[in-house]
Amino acid sequence: MNITIRAAVLEDCERIRPLQKEIADLHHDGRPDLFRTEARYFSQDAFKERLEDPKHTILIAETDEGQVVGYAFAWVISYRNHTALVDHDSFYIDDICVLNAFQRAGIGRRLFECCKQKAEEQGCKTMELGVWAFNKKAIAFYESLGMTERIKKMEYLLET
C-alpha cells in the first residue's frame, strides 16, 4: 500500500471527519470529565482560514485509492519579548492523527518528518506539542521520534 503525504485542500475538511471522530472518542474515553461525547469539527471557513495562513500547515496522508488515513495540523508560534523565554519561533503540532486501522505502518512517522521539514523551512528553533497523560500510546510514539519532555502541566481536581 502506497501512502502519499500532501498539503491539504479545502475538500479535505469533510474527509478528515472520521479521524477527528477517532480522536474525539479517544479523548472522551480517557477524560470523560473534560471531553465532550460528540466530536466537534472544523467549519469550512475555519479550515479555509488555516489553509490560507502561511504560518499554518495541514498535511494529509492518503492511500492510492484516495482514502484519507492521516493528517497533521501545525503552526508557527513566535515567542517575542517574553518575560522569561528568548525570542524564537517554534513549530507547534496540534494533531498528528492516523486512523486506528492504519497505525503502526509508519504513516505517523512520515507526517512527523514532513512537519519537521516544514519547521526547518520556516526557520523554527524547536517543535513542540501537547499530549494528554492518559494517552500512553501517543507518548511512546513521540518519544520514539526523539521528542523529550519539556514541561509538565499539573491539575488539582476540586470537589464541586
N, C-alpha and C. Protein backbone atom coordinates (compact mmCIF):
# COMPACT_ATOMS: atom_id res chain seq x y z
N MET A 1 0.84 -1.18 0.00
CA MET A 1 0.00 0.00 0.00
C MET A 1 0.89 1.24 0.00
N ASN A 2 0.63 2.11 -0.95
CA ASN A 2 1.36 3.37 -1.03
C ASN A 2 0.56 4.47 -0.34
N ILE A 3 1.27 5.27 0.43
CA ILE A 3 0.67 6.41 1.12
C ILE A 3 1.37 7.67 0.62
N THR A 4 0.60 8.64 0.22
CA THR A 4 1.13 9.93 -0.21
C THR A 4 0.84 10.95 0.89
N ILE A 5 1.86 11.74 1.21
CA ILE A 5 1.68 12.87 2.14
C ILE A 5 1.64 14.12 1.28
N ARG A 6 0.60 14.91 1.45
CA ARG A 6 0.43 16.11 0.63
C ARG A 6 -0.18 17.23 1.46
N ALA A 7 -0.10 18.43 0.91
CA ALA A 7 -0.76 19.57 1.55
C ALA A 7 -2.27 19.40 1.42
N ALA A 8 -2.98 19.82 2.44
CA ALA A 8 -4.44 19.72 2.43
C ALA A 8 -5.04 20.71 1.44
N VAL A 9 -6.22 20.37 0.97
CA VAL A 9 -7.05 21.26 0.16
C VAL A 9 -8.41 21.38 0.87
N LEU A 10 -9.20 22.34 0.47
CA LEU A 10 -10.46 22.63 1.17
C LEU A 10 -11.37 21.40 1.27
N GLU A 11 -11.40 20.57 0.24
CA GLU A 11 -12.26 19.39 0.25
C GLU A 11 -11.89 18.41 1.36
N ASP A 12 -10.68 18.49 1.86
CA ASP A 12 -10.24 17.58 2.93
C ASP A 12 -10.94 17.87 4.25
N CYS A 13 -11.54 19.04 4.38
CA CYS A 13 -12.23 19.38 5.63
C CYS A 13 -13.25 18.30 5.98
N GLU A 14 -14.01 17.85 5.01
CA GLU A 14 -15.01 16.79 5.24
C GLU A 14 -14.35 15.42 5.33
N ARG A 15 -13.27 15.23 4.61
CA ARG A 15 -12.65 13.91 4.51
C ARG A 15 -11.89 13.50 5.77
N ILE A 16 -11.57 14.46 6.62
CA ILE A 16 -10.85 14.12 7.86
C ILE A 16 -11.79 13.84 9.02
N ARG A 17 -13.08 13.97 8.80
CA ARG A 17 -14.05 13.76 9.88
C ARG A 17 -13.91 12.41 10.59
N PRO A 18 -13.73 11.28 9.88
CA PRO A 18 -13.57 10.00 10.60
C PRO A 18 -12.36 10.00 11.54
N LEU A 19 -11.30 10.68 11.15
CA LEU A 19 -10.12 10.76 12.00
C LEU A 19 -10.40 11.63 13.23
N GLN A 20 -11.08 12.74 13.01
CA GLN A 20 -11.42 13.61 14.13
C GLN A 20 -12.35 12.90 15.10
N LYS A 21 -13.24 12.06 14.58
CA LYS A 21 -14.14 11.27 15.44
C LYS A 21 -13.33 10.31 16.30
N GLU A 22 -12.33 9.63 15.71
CA GLU A 22 -11.49 8.72 16.50
C GLU A 22 -10.75 9.46 17.60
N ILE A 23 -10.23 10.64 17.29
CA ILE A 23 -9.52 11.43 18.31
C ILE A 23 -10.49 11.87 19.41
N ALA A 24 -11.67 12.32 19.01
CA ALA A 24 -12.66 12.76 20.00
C ALA A 24 -13.04 11.61 20.93
N ASP A 25 -13.24 10.43 20.36
CA ASP A 25 -13.60 9.26 21.18
C ASP A 25 -12.47 8.89 22.13
N LEU A 26 -11.24 8.90 21.63
CA LEU A 26 -10.08 8.58 22.46
C LEU A 26 -9.99 9.52 23.66
N HIS A 27 -10.15 10.82 23.39
CA HIS A 27 -10.05 11.80 24.46
C HIS A 27 -11.22 11.69 25.44
N HIS A 28 -12.41 11.48 24.91
CA HIS A 28 -13.56 11.32 25.81
C HIS A 28 -13.39 10.08 26.69
N ASP A 29 -12.93 8.98 26.10
CA ASP A 29 -12.72 7.76 26.88
C ASP A 29 -11.66 7.96 27.96
N GLY A 30 -10.61 8.74 27.63
CA GLY A 30 -9.52 8.98 28.57
C GLY A 30 -9.87 9.96 29.68
N ARG A 31 -10.66 10.98 29.36
CA ARG A 31 -11.04 12.00 30.35
C ARG A 31 -12.47 12.46 30.09
N PRO A 32 -13.46 11.61 30.42
CA PRO A 32 -14.85 12.00 30.18
C PRO A 32 -15.28 13.22 31.00
N ASP A 33 -14.52 13.54 32.04
CA ASP A 33 -14.83 14.74 32.82
C ASP A 33 -14.45 16.02 32.09
N LEU A 34 -13.62 15.91 31.06
CA LEU A 34 -13.17 17.09 30.31
C LEU A 34 -13.65 17.14 28.87
N PHE A 35 -13.74 15.98 28.22
CA PHE A 35 -14.01 15.95 26.79
C PHE A 35 -15.45 15.57 26.48
N ARG A 36 -16.01 16.24 25.50
CA ARG A 36 -17.37 16.00 25.06
C ARG A 36 -17.52 14.59 24.48
N THR A 37 -18.75 14.09 24.50
CA THR A 37 -19.00 12.77 23.91
C THR A 37 -19.07 12.85 22.40
N GLU A 38 -19.43 14.00 21.86
CA GLU A 38 -19.53 14.14 20.41
C GLU A 38 -18.31 14.90 19.87
N ALA A 39 -17.93 14.54 18.67
CA ALA A 39 -16.80 15.22 18.03
C ALA A 39 -17.25 16.61 17.58
N ARG A 40 -16.34 17.55 17.70
CA ARG A 40 -16.55 18.89 17.14
C ARG A 40 -15.59 19.03 15.97
N TYR A 41 -16.11 19.49 14.85
CA TYR A 41 -15.30 19.55 13.64
C TYR A 41 -15.01 20.99 13.24
N PHE A 42 -13.94 21.14 12.46
CA PHE A 42 -13.67 22.44 11.87
C PHE A 42 -14.80 22.81 10.93
N SER A 43 -15.18 24.06 10.94
CA SER A 43 -16.09 24.54 9.91
C SER A 43 -15.28 24.72 8.63
N GLN A 44 -15.97 24.77 7.50
CA GLN A 44 -15.28 25.02 6.23
C GLN A 44 -14.51 26.33 6.30
N ASP A 45 -15.12 27.36 6.91
CA ASP A 45 -14.47 28.67 7.00
C ASP A 45 -13.20 28.62 7.84
N ALA A 46 -13.26 27.94 8.98
CA ALA A 46 -12.08 27.83 9.85
C ALA A 46 -10.98 27.04 9.16
N PHE A 47 -11.36 25.97 8.47
CA PHE A 47 -10.38 25.16 7.75
C PHE A 47 -9.73 25.99 6.64
N LYS A 48 -10.55 26.72 5.89
CA LYS A 48 -10.05 27.57 4.80
C LYS A 48 -9.09 28.63 5.33
N GLU A 49 -9.46 29.22 6.46
CA GLU A 49 -8.61 30.24 7.08
C GLU A 49 -7.23 29.68 7.40
N ARG A 50 -7.18 28.47 7.92
CA ARG A 50 -5.90 27.84 8.24
C ARG A 50 -5.12 27.49 6.97
N LEU A 51 -5.82 27.04 5.94
CA LEU A 51 -5.15 26.73 4.67
C LEU A 51 -4.49 27.97 4.08
N GLU A 52 -5.11 29.12 4.25
CA GLU A 52 -4.62 30.36 3.65
C GLU A 52 -3.56 31.06 4.49
N ASP A 53 -3.42 30.66 5.73
CA ASP A 53 -2.45 31.29 6.64
C ASP A 53 -1.09 30.63 6.47
N PRO A 54 -0.07 31.39 6.04
CA PRO A 54 1.25 30.78 5.80
C PRO A 54 1.91 30.22 7.06
N LYS A 55 1.46 30.61 8.24
CA LYS A 55 2.02 30.06 9.47
C LYS A 55 1.44 28.68 9.80
N HIS A 56 0.31 28.33 9.17
CA HIS A 56 -0.33 27.04 9.42
C HIS A 56 0.08 26.00 8.38
N THR A 57 0.16 24.78 8.83
CA THR A 57 0.43 23.64 7.96
C THR A 57 -0.63 22.58 8.23
N ILE A 58 -1.27 22.11 7.18
CA ILE A 58 -2.17 20.96 7.28
C ILE A 58 -1.71 19.96 6.24
N LEU A 59 -1.33 18.79 6.72
CA LEU A 59 -0.86 17.72 5.84
C LEU A 59 -1.87 16.57 5.86
N ILE A 60 -1.98 15.91 4.73
CA ILE A 60 -2.90 14.78 4.57
C ILE A 60 -2.11 13.56 4.14
N ALA A 61 -2.42 12.41 4.76
CA ALA A 61 -1.88 11.11 4.34
C ALA A 61 -3.01 10.39 3.63
N GLU A 62 -2.75 9.98 2.39
CA GLU A 62 -3.80 9.43 1.54
C GLU A 62 -3.32 8.17 0.84
N THR A 63 -4.20 7.18 0.74
CA THR A 63 -3.88 5.95 0.01
C THR A 63 -3.98 6.20 -1.49
N ASP A 64 -3.47 5.25 -2.27
CA ASP A 64 -3.60 5.33 -3.73
C ASP A 64 -5.06 5.36 -4.16
N GLU A 65 -5.92 4.77 -3.34
CA GLU A 65 -7.35 4.74 -3.65
C GLU A 65 -8.06 6.03 -3.26
N GLY A 66 -7.33 6.97 -2.67
CA GLY A 66 -7.91 8.26 -2.31
C GLY A 66 -8.50 8.34 -0.92
N GLN A 67 -8.27 7.31 -0.09
CA GLN A 67 -8.78 7.35 1.28
C GLN A 67 -7.83 8.16 2.16
N VAL A 68 -8.37 9.13 2.87
CA VAL A 68 -7.58 9.89 3.83
C VAL A 68 -7.43 9.05 5.09
N VAL A 69 -6.17 8.71 5.43
CA VAL A 69 -5.92 7.83 6.57
C VAL A 69 -5.13 8.53 7.68
N GLY A 70 -4.73 9.77 7.44
CA GLY A 70 -4.00 10.50 8.46
C GLY A 70 -3.93 11.98 8.13
N TYR A 71 -3.62 12.77 9.14
CA TYR A 71 -3.41 14.19 8.92
C TYR A 71 -2.53 14.75 10.03
N ALA A 72 -2.00 15.92 9.78
CA ALA A 72 -1.26 16.68 10.80
C ALA A 72 -1.67 18.14 10.68
N PHE A 73 -1.95 18.76 11.83
CA PHE A 73 -2.21 20.20 11.93
C PHE A 73 -1.07 20.80 12.73
N ALA A 74 -0.51 21.89 12.22
CA ALA A 74 0.58 22.55 12.95
C ALA A 74 0.62 24.02 12.57
N TRP A 75 1.30 24.80 13.38
CA TRP A 75 1.50 26.21 13.07
C TRP A 75 2.73 26.73 13.79
N VAL A 76 3.21 27.86 13.31
CA VAL A 76 4.37 28.52 13.90
C VAL A 76 3.90 29.42 15.04
N ILE A 77 4.53 29.25 16.19
CA ILE A 77 4.32 30.15 17.32
C ILE A 77 5.57 31.01 17.45
N SER A 78 5.39 32.32 17.44
CA SER A 78 6.52 33.24 17.59
C SER A 78 6.57 33.73 19.03
N TYR A 79 7.64 33.38 19.71
CA TYR A 79 7.87 33.88 21.07
C TYR A 79 8.72 35.13 20.95
N ARG A 80 8.14 36.27 21.26
CA ARG A 80 8.85 37.55 21.17
C ARG A 80 8.58 38.34 22.44
N ASN A 81 9.64 38.94 22.97
CA ASN A 81 9.55 39.80 24.15
C ASN A 81 8.88 39.12 25.33
N HIS A 82 9.08 37.82 25.42
CA HIS A 82 8.55 37.05 26.55
C HIS A 82 9.35 37.43 27.80
N THR A 83 8.72 37.42 28.94
CA THR A 83 9.42 37.81 30.17
C THR A 83 10.53 36.84 30.55
N ALA A 84 10.43 35.58 30.13
CA ALA A 84 11.44 34.60 30.53
C ALA A 84 12.14 33.93 29.34
N LEU A 85 11.44 33.74 28.24
CA LEU A 85 12.00 32.98 27.12
C LEU A 85 12.75 33.88 26.15
N VAL A 86 13.79 33.33 25.55
CA VAL A 86 14.49 34.04 24.49
C VAL A 86 13.58 34.07 23.26
N ASP A 87 13.77 35.07 22.42
CA ASP A 87 12.98 35.16 21.19
C ASP A 87 13.28 33.96 20.30
N HIS A 88 12.24 33.29 19.85
CA HIS A 88 12.41 32.19 18.90
C HIS A 88 11.05 31.81 18.33
N ASP A 89 11.10 31.07 17.22
CA ASP A 89 9.91 30.51 16.62
C ASP A 89 9.89 29.02 16.90
N SER A 90 8.72 28.50 17.20
CA SER A 90 8.54 27.08 17.45
C SER A 90 7.41 26.57 16.56
N PHE A 91 7.55 25.36 16.09
CA PHE A 91 6.54 24.73 15.25
C PHE A 91 5.67 23.88 16.16
N TYR A 92 4.44 24.32 16.39
CA TYR A 92 3.53 23.64 17.31
C TYR A 92 2.67 22.64 16.55
N ILE A 93 2.80 21.37 16.90
CA ILE A 93 1.98 20.33 16.28
C ILE A 93 0.74 20.14 17.15
N ASP A 94 -0.40 20.53 16.61
CA ASP A 94 -1.66 20.41 17.34
C ASP A 94 -2.17 18.98 17.28
N ASP A 95 -2.06 18.35 16.15
CA ASP A 95 -2.53 16.98 15.96
C ASP A 95 -1.66 16.25 14.95
N ILE A 96 -1.33 15.02 15.26
CA ILE A 96 -0.95 14.04 14.26
C ILE A 96 -1.90 12.88 14.51
N CYS A 97 -2.68 12.55 13.51
CA CYS A 97 -3.69 11.51 13.66
C CYS A 97 -3.60 10.54 12.50
N VAL A 98 -3.65 9.26 12.83
CA VAL A 98 -3.71 8.19 11.82
C VAL A 98 -4.86 7.28 12.23
N LEU A 99 -5.71 6.93 11.27
CA LEU A 99 -6.81 6.01 11.55
C LEU A 99 -6.28 4.77 12.25
N ASN A 100 -7.01 4.29 13.25
CA ASN A 100 -6.57 3.12 14.01
C ASN A 100 -6.16 1.96 13.12
N ALA A 101 -6.93 1.70 12.07
CA ALA A 101 -6.66 0.55 11.19
C ALA A 101 -5.36 0.70 10.41
N PHE A 102 -4.81 1.91 10.36
CA PHE A 102 -3.59 2.15 9.58
C PHE A 102 -2.39 2.49 10.46
N GLN A 103 -2.55 2.40 11.77
CA GLN A 103 -1.44 2.70 12.66
C GLN A 103 -0.38 1.61 12.61
N ARG A 104 0.82 1.98 13.01
CA ARG A 104 1.99 1.09 13.06
C ARG A 104 2.48 0.71 11.66
N ALA A 105 2.19 1.58 10.68
CA ALA A 105 2.66 1.37 9.31
C ALA A 105 3.62 2.47 8.88
N GLY A 106 4.05 3.33 9.82
CA GLY A 106 5.00 4.39 9.52
C GLY A 106 4.37 5.69 9.03
N ILE A 107 3.05 5.75 8.98
CA ILE A 107 2.37 6.95 8.47
C ILE A 107 2.55 8.12 9.42
N GLY A 108 2.37 7.89 10.71
CA GLY A 108 2.56 8.96 11.69
C GLY A 108 3.99 9.49 11.67
N ARG A 109 4.95 8.58 11.54
CA ARG A 109 6.36 8.98 11.46
C ARG A 109 6.59 9.85 10.23
N ARG A 110 6.00 9.48 9.11
CA ARG A 110 6.16 10.28 7.89
C ARG A 110 5.52 11.65 8.04
N LEU A 111 4.36 11.71 8.67
CA LEU A 111 3.72 13.01 8.91
C LEU A 111 4.61 13.87 9.81
N PHE A 112 5.20 13.26 10.84
CA PHE A 112 6.10 13.98 11.74
C PHE A 112 7.31 14.50 10.96
N GLU A 113 7.89 13.66 10.12
CA GLU A 113 9.07 14.08 9.34
C GLU A 113 8.72 15.23 8.39
N CYS A 114 7.53 15.19 7.80
CA CYS A 114 7.10 16.30 6.95
C CYS A 114 6.91 17.58 7.77
N CYS A 115 6.39 17.44 8.98
CA CYS A 115 6.28 18.60 9.88
C CYS A 115 7.66 19.15 10.20
N LYS A 116 8.59 18.26 10.46
CA LYS A 116 9.96 18.67 10.77
C LYS A 116 10.56 19.46 9.60
N GLN A 117 10.33 18.98 8.39
CA GLN A 117 10.82 19.68 7.21
C GLN A 117 10.19 21.07 7.10
N LYS A 118 8.88 21.16 7.33
CA LYS A 118 8.19 22.46 7.29
C LYS A 118 8.74 23.39 8.36
N ALA A 119 8.99 22.85 9.55
CA ALA A 119 9.54 23.66 10.65
C ALA A 119 10.90 24.23 10.27
N GLU A 120 11.74 23.39 9.68
CA GLU A 120 13.07 23.85 9.26
C GLU A 120 12.95 24.90 8.16
N GLU A 121 12.05 24.69 7.21
CA GLU A 121 11.85 25.66 6.13
C GLU A 121 11.41 27.02 6.67
N GLN A 122 10.67 27.01 7.77
CA GLN A 122 10.17 28.26 8.34
C GLN A 122 11.10 28.83 9.41
N GLY A 123 12.28 28.23 9.56
CA GLY A 123 13.28 28.77 10.47
C GLY A 123 12.99 28.56 11.94
N CYS A 124 12.20 27.58 12.27
CA CYS A 124 11.86 27.32 13.67
C CYS A 124 13.04 26.70 14.41
N LYS A 125 13.14 27.03 15.68
CA LYS A 125 14.20 26.51 16.54
C LYS A 125 13.81 25.19 17.18
N THR A 126 12.51 25.01 17.43
CA THR A 126 12.02 23.81 18.09
C THR A 126 10.69 23.37 17.47
N MET A 127 10.32 22.14 17.81
CA MET A 127 8.97 21.64 17.54
C MET A 127 8.40 21.26 18.90
N GLU A 128 7.13 21.55 19.11
CA GLU A 128 6.51 21.22 20.39
C GLU A 128 5.09 20.73 20.16
N LEU A 129 4.56 20.06 21.16
CA LEU A 129 3.18 19.59 21.12
C LEU A 129 2.73 19.30 22.53
N GLY A 130 1.45 19.14 22.70
CA GLY A 130 0.89 18.71 23.98
C GLY A 130 0.30 17.32 23.81
N VAL A 131 0.43 16.51 24.84
CA VAL A 131 -0.16 15.17 24.80
C VAL A 131 -0.74 14.89 26.18
N TRP A 132 -1.94 14.34 26.21
CA TRP A 132 -2.61 14.05 27.48
C TRP A 132 -1.93 12.89 28.17
N ALA A 133 -1.80 12.98 29.48
CA ALA A 133 -1.10 11.96 30.27
C ALA A 133 -1.71 10.57 30.11
N PHE A 134 -3.01 10.47 29.87
CA PHE A 134 -3.64 9.16 29.70
C PHE A 134 -3.29 8.50 28.38
N ASN A 135 -2.76 9.26 27.43
CA ASN A 135 -2.51 8.75 26.08
C ASN A 135 -1.10 8.16 25.98
N LYS A 136 -0.91 7.05 26.66
CA LYS A 136 0.41 6.41 26.74
C LYS A 136 0.94 6.01 25.37
N LYS A 137 0.05 5.58 24.48
CA LYS A 137 0.47 5.17 23.15
C LYS A 137 1.08 6.35 22.38
N ALA A 138 0.44 7.51 22.47
CA ALA A 138 0.96 8.70 21.80
C ALA A 138 2.27 9.15 22.43
N ILE A 139 2.36 9.08 23.75
CA ILE A 139 3.60 9.47 24.43
C ILE A 139 4.75 8.60 23.95
N ALA A 140 4.53 7.29 23.89
CA ALA A 140 5.58 6.37 23.42
C ALA A 140 5.94 6.66 21.97
N PHE A 141 4.95 6.97 21.15
CA PHE A 141 5.20 7.30 19.75
C PHE A 141 6.08 8.53 19.63
N TYR A 142 5.72 9.61 20.33
CA TYR A 142 6.50 10.84 20.24
C TYR A 142 7.91 10.66 20.80
N GLU A 143 8.04 9.89 21.86
CA GLU A 143 9.38 9.61 22.39
C GLU A 143 10.20 8.81 21.39
N SER A 144 9.57 7.90 20.65
CA SER A 144 10.30 7.12 19.65
C SER A 144 10.82 7.99 18.51
N LEU A 145 10.22 9.16 18.34
CA LEU A 145 10.65 10.11 17.32
C LEU A 145 11.75 11.04 17.82
N GLY A 146 12.10 10.91 19.10
CA GLY A 146 13.15 11.75 19.67
C GLY A 146 12.65 12.95 20.46
N MET A 147 11.34 13.07 20.62
CA MET A 147 10.82 14.18 21.41
C MET A 147 11.06 13.90 22.89
N THR A 148 11.32 14.96 23.63
CA THR A 148 11.56 14.83 25.06
C THR A 148 10.61 15.75 25.82
N GLU A 149 10.39 15.41 27.07
CA GLU A 149 9.50 16.21 27.91
C GLU A 149 10.17 17.53 28.25
N ARG A 150 9.43 18.62 28.08
CA ARG A 150 9.96 19.95 28.38
C ARG A 150 9.24 20.59 29.55
N ILE A 151 7.97 20.33 29.68
CA ILE A 151 7.18 20.96 30.73
C ILE A 151 6.07 19.99 31.12
N LYS A 152 5.68 20.05 32.38
CA LYS A 152 4.52 19.29 32.82
C LYS A 152 3.44 20.27 33.23
N LYS A 153 2.23 20.00 32.82
CA LYS A 153 1.09 20.82 33.22
C LYS A 153 0.33 20.02 34.26
N MET A 154 0.17 20.60 35.43
CA MET A 154 -0.44 19.90 36.55
C MET A 154 -1.87 20.41 36.75
N GLU A 155 -2.68 19.56 37.38
CA GLU A 155 -4.03 19.98 37.74
C GLU A 155 -4.38 19.44 39.11
N TYR A 156 -5.31 20.10 39.73
CA TYR A 156 -5.86 19.66 41.00
C TYR A 156 -7.38 19.66 40.83
N LEU A 157 -7.99 18.50 40.95
CA LEU A 157 -9.44 18.40 40.77
C LEU A 157 -10.15 18.84 42.05
N LEU A 158 -10.99 19.81 41.91
CA LEU A 158 -11.76 20.32 43.04
C LEU A 158 -13.10 19.59 43.13
N GLU A 159 -13.53 19.35 44.32
CA GLU A 159 -14.84 18.73 44.51
C GLU A 159 -15.87 19.84 44.52
N THR A 160 -16.75 19.81 43.55
CA THR A 160 -17.79 20.86 43.49
C THR A 160 -19.16 20.25 43.50
